[in-house]
Amino acid sequence: MKKIIRCCYCDAILSKDEIGATQKFIHREIKQFMCYSCLAEFVDCTVDELKCQIERFKEEDCGLFK
C-alpha cells in the first residue's frame, strides 16, 4: 500500500512531482511537503511558472522527477 503524503499547509494529497518540487526548491531532505499552490506562494511565483520550471527539470533528467 502506497503512503499518502499531504501538503503541510492545506492538507491536499500530493503527487510525486509536488513532492519533488518541494525538495528541489526548498531542500532535498525536507520532511514536510507543499502542493503546487502553497509552494508557488512560498517561492513567490505562479503555479504555471512553477510547473514550467518542473518541466525543464524533467527535460534535464533531474532525479527528483522520475
N, C-alpha and C. Protein backbone atom coordinates (compact mmCIF):
# COMPACT_ATOMS: atom_id res chain seq x y z
N MET A 1 0.84 -1.18 0.00
CA MET A 1 0.00 0.00 0.00
C MET A 1 0.88 1.25 0.00
N LYS A 2 0.58 2.17 -0.86
CA LYS A 2 1.36 3.40 -1.01
C LYS A 2 0.93 4.43 0.04
N LYS A 3 1.90 5.07 0.67
CA LYS A 3 1.62 6.08 1.69
C LYS A 3 1.13 7.37 1.03
N ILE A 4 0.08 7.93 1.56
CA ILE A 4 -0.46 9.19 1.07
C ILE A 4 0.26 10.32 1.78
N ILE A 5 0.81 11.24 0.98
CA ILE A 5 1.51 12.40 1.55
C ILE A 5 0.67 13.63 1.25
N ARG A 6 0.50 14.47 2.26
CA ARG A 6 -0.35 15.66 2.14
C ARG A 6 0.45 16.94 2.32
N CYS A 7 -0.08 18.01 1.75
CA CYS A 7 0.52 19.33 1.89
C CYS A 7 0.51 19.73 3.37
N CYS A 8 1.62 20.26 3.83
CA CYS A 8 1.72 20.64 5.25
C CYS A 8 0.93 21.91 5.56
N TYR A 9 0.46 22.63 4.53
CA TYR A 9 -0.31 23.85 4.76
C TYR A 9 -1.81 23.66 4.54
N CYS A 10 -2.18 23.03 3.42
CA CYS A 10 -3.62 22.96 3.08
C CYS A 10 -4.18 21.54 3.12
N ASP A 11 -3.35 20.54 3.38
CA ASP A 11 -3.76 19.16 3.54
C ASP A 11 -4.17 18.47 2.22
N ALA A 12 -3.83 19.05 1.07
CA ALA A 12 -4.14 18.42 -0.22
C ALA A 12 -3.26 17.19 -0.40
N ILE A 13 -3.78 16.18 -1.08
CA ILE A 13 -2.99 14.99 -1.41
C ILE A 13 -2.00 15.37 -2.50
N LEU A 14 -0.74 14.99 -2.33
CA LEU A 14 0.32 15.42 -3.23
C LEU A 14 0.69 14.37 -4.27
N SER A 15 1.12 14.86 -5.42
CA SER A 15 1.65 14.00 -6.47
C SER A 15 3.16 13.86 -6.27
N LYS A 16 3.76 12.93 -7.04
CA LYS A 16 5.22 12.77 -6.98
C LYS A 16 5.92 14.06 -7.39
N ASP A 17 5.38 14.75 -8.39
CA ASP A 17 6.00 15.99 -8.86
C ASP A 17 5.95 17.08 -7.80
N GLU A 18 4.87 17.16 -7.04
CA GLU A 18 4.78 18.16 -5.97
C GLU A 18 5.79 17.87 -4.87
N ILE A 19 5.98 16.61 -4.56
CA ILE A 19 6.98 16.22 -3.56
C ILE A 19 8.38 16.56 -4.07
N GLY A 20 8.65 16.21 -5.32
CA GLY A 20 9.95 16.52 -5.92
C GLY A 20 10.20 18.01 -6.01
N ALA A 21 9.16 18.77 -6.33
CA ALA A 21 9.30 20.23 -6.43
C ALA A 21 9.65 20.84 -5.08
N THR A 22 9.01 20.37 -4.02
CA THR A 22 9.33 20.87 -2.68
C THR A 22 10.79 20.58 -2.35
N GLN A 23 11.24 19.38 -2.69
CA GLN A 23 12.63 19.03 -2.42
C GLN A 23 13.58 19.88 -3.27
N LYS A 24 13.23 20.13 -4.51
CA LYS A 24 14.10 20.90 -5.41
C LYS A 24 14.19 22.37 -5.00
N PHE A 25 13.06 22.97 -4.68
CA PHE A 25 13.03 24.40 -4.39
C PHE A 25 13.35 24.75 -2.94
N ILE A 26 13.14 23.81 -2.01
CA ILE A 26 13.38 24.10 -0.59
C ILE A 26 14.65 23.39 -0.10
N HIS A 27 14.60 22.06 -0.03
CA HIS A 27 15.76 21.28 0.43
C HIS A 27 15.47 19.80 0.19
N ARG A 28 16.46 19.07 -0.27
CA ARG A 28 16.27 17.65 -0.60
C ARG A 28 15.85 16.81 0.59
N GLU A 29 16.25 17.17 1.78
CA GLU A 29 15.95 16.36 2.96
C GLU A 29 14.74 16.85 3.74
N ILE A 30 13.94 17.71 3.14
CA ILE A 30 12.75 18.23 3.82
C ILE A 30 11.78 17.08 4.11
N LYS A 31 11.07 17.18 5.20
CA LYS A 31 10.14 16.12 5.62
C LYS A 31 8.68 16.53 5.50
N GLN A 32 8.42 17.83 5.32
CA GLN A 32 7.05 18.32 5.13
C GLN A 32 6.99 18.94 3.74
N PHE A 33 5.99 18.55 2.98
CA PHE A 33 5.91 18.94 1.58
C PHE A 33 4.74 19.87 1.31
N MET A 34 4.79 20.55 0.14
CA MET A 34 3.75 21.52 -0.23
C MET A 34 3.15 21.19 -1.59
N CYS A 35 1.88 21.52 -1.75
CA CYS A 35 1.22 21.39 -3.04
C CYS A 35 1.71 22.52 -3.95
N TYR A 36 1.36 22.47 -5.23
CA TYR A 36 1.79 23.50 -6.17
C TYR A 36 1.40 24.90 -5.70
N SER A 37 0.17 25.06 -5.26
CA SER A 37 -0.32 26.39 -4.87
C SER A 37 0.46 26.95 -3.68
N CYS A 38 0.64 26.15 -2.66
CA CYS A 38 1.35 26.62 -1.47
C CYS A 38 2.83 26.85 -1.76
N LEU A 39 3.43 25.97 -2.57
CA LEU A 39 4.84 26.14 -2.92
C LEU A 39 5.05 27.38 -3.77
N ALA A 40 4.15 27.61 -4.72
CA ALA A 40 4.26 28.81 -5.58
C ALA A 40 4.18 30.07 -4.72
N GLU A 41 3.28 30.09 -3.77
CA GLU A 41 3.17 31.25 -2.88
C GLU A 41 4.45 31.40 -2.04
N PHE A 42 4.98 30.29 -1.56
CA PHE A 42 6.18 30.30 -0.73
C PHE A 42 7.39 30.84 -1.49
N VAL A 43 7.54 30.46 -2.76
CA VAL A 43 8.69 30.91 -3.55
C VAL A 43 8.36 32.14 -4.41
N ASP A 44 7.18 32.69 -4.21
CA ASP A 44 6.75 33.94 -4.86
C ASP A 44 6.75 33.85 -6.38
N CYS A 45 5.97 32.88 -6.90
CA CYS A 45 5.77 32.76 -8.34
C CYS A 45 4.36 32.23 -8.57
N THR A 46 3.97 32.05 -9.82
CA THR A 46 2.66 31.49 -10.12
C THR A 46 2.78 29.97 -10.24
N VAL A 47 1.65 29.29 -10.16
CA VAL A 47 1.64 27.84 -10.32
C VAL A 47 2.12 27.48 -11.73
N ASP A 48 1.71 28.24 -12.74
CA ASP A 48 2.14 27.98 -14.11
C ASP A 48 3.65 28.12 -14.26
N GLU A 49 4.24 29.13 -13.64
CA GLU A 49 5.70 29.30 -13.69
C GLU A 49 6.40 28.12 -13.02
N LEU A 50 5.85 27.68 -11.92
CA LEU A 50 6.40 26.54 -11.19
C LEU A 50 6.36 25.28 -12.04
N LYS A 51 5.21 25.01 -12.65
CA LYS A 51 5.06 23.81 -13.49
C LYS A 51 5.97 23.88 -14.72
N CYS A 52 6.16 25.06 -15.27
CA CYS A 52 7.05 25.24 -16.41
C CYS A 52 8.49 24.90 -16.01
N GLN A 53 8.90 25.36 -14.84
CA GLN A 53 10.24 25.08 -14.35
C GLN A 53 10.41 23.58 -14.09
N ILE A 54 9.38 22.93 -13.57
CA ILE A 54 9.44 21.49 -13.30
C ILE A 54 9.62 20.73 -14.62
N GLU A 55 8.93 21.16 -15.67
CA GLU A 55 9.09 20.52 -16.98
C GLU A 55 10.53 20.66 -17.47
N ARG A 56 11.14 21.80 -17.23
CA ARG A 56 12.56 21.98 -17.60
C ARG A 56 13.45 21.01 -16.82
N PHE A 57 13.17 20.85 -15.53
CA PHE A 57 13.95 19.92 -14.72
C PHE A 57 13.80 18.49 -15.25
N LYS A 58 12.58 18.13 -15.66
CA LYS A 58 12.34 16.80 -16.22
C LYS A 58 13.13 16.61 -17.51
N GLU A 59 13.15 17.63 -18.36
CA GLU A 59 13.91 17.56 -19.61
C GLU A 59 15.40 17.42 -19.35
N GLU A 60 15.87 17.99 -18.25
CA GLU A 60 17.28 17.90 -17.86
C GLU A 60 17.57 16.59 -17.12
N ASP A 61 16.54 15.75 -16.99
CA ASP A 61 16.65 14.43 -16.35
C ASP A 61 16.97 14.51 -14.86
N CYS A 62 16.39 15.49 -14.19
CA CYS A 62 16.56 15.63 -12.74
C CYS A 62 15.98 14.40 -12.02
N GLY A 63 16.75 13.81 -11.15
CA GLY A 63 16.35 12.61 -10.44
C GLY A 63 15.15 12.76 -9.53
N LEU A 64 14.81 13.97 -9.16
CA LEU A 64 13.66 14.20 -8.28
C LEU A 64 12.33 14.05 -9.02
N PHE A 65 12.37 14.02 -10.33
CA PHE A 65 11.14 13.99 -11.13
C PHE A 65 11.06 12.76 -12.02
N LYS A 66 11.47 11.62 -11.50
CA LYS A 66 11.40 10.36 -12.25
C LYS A 66 10.29 9.49 -11.75
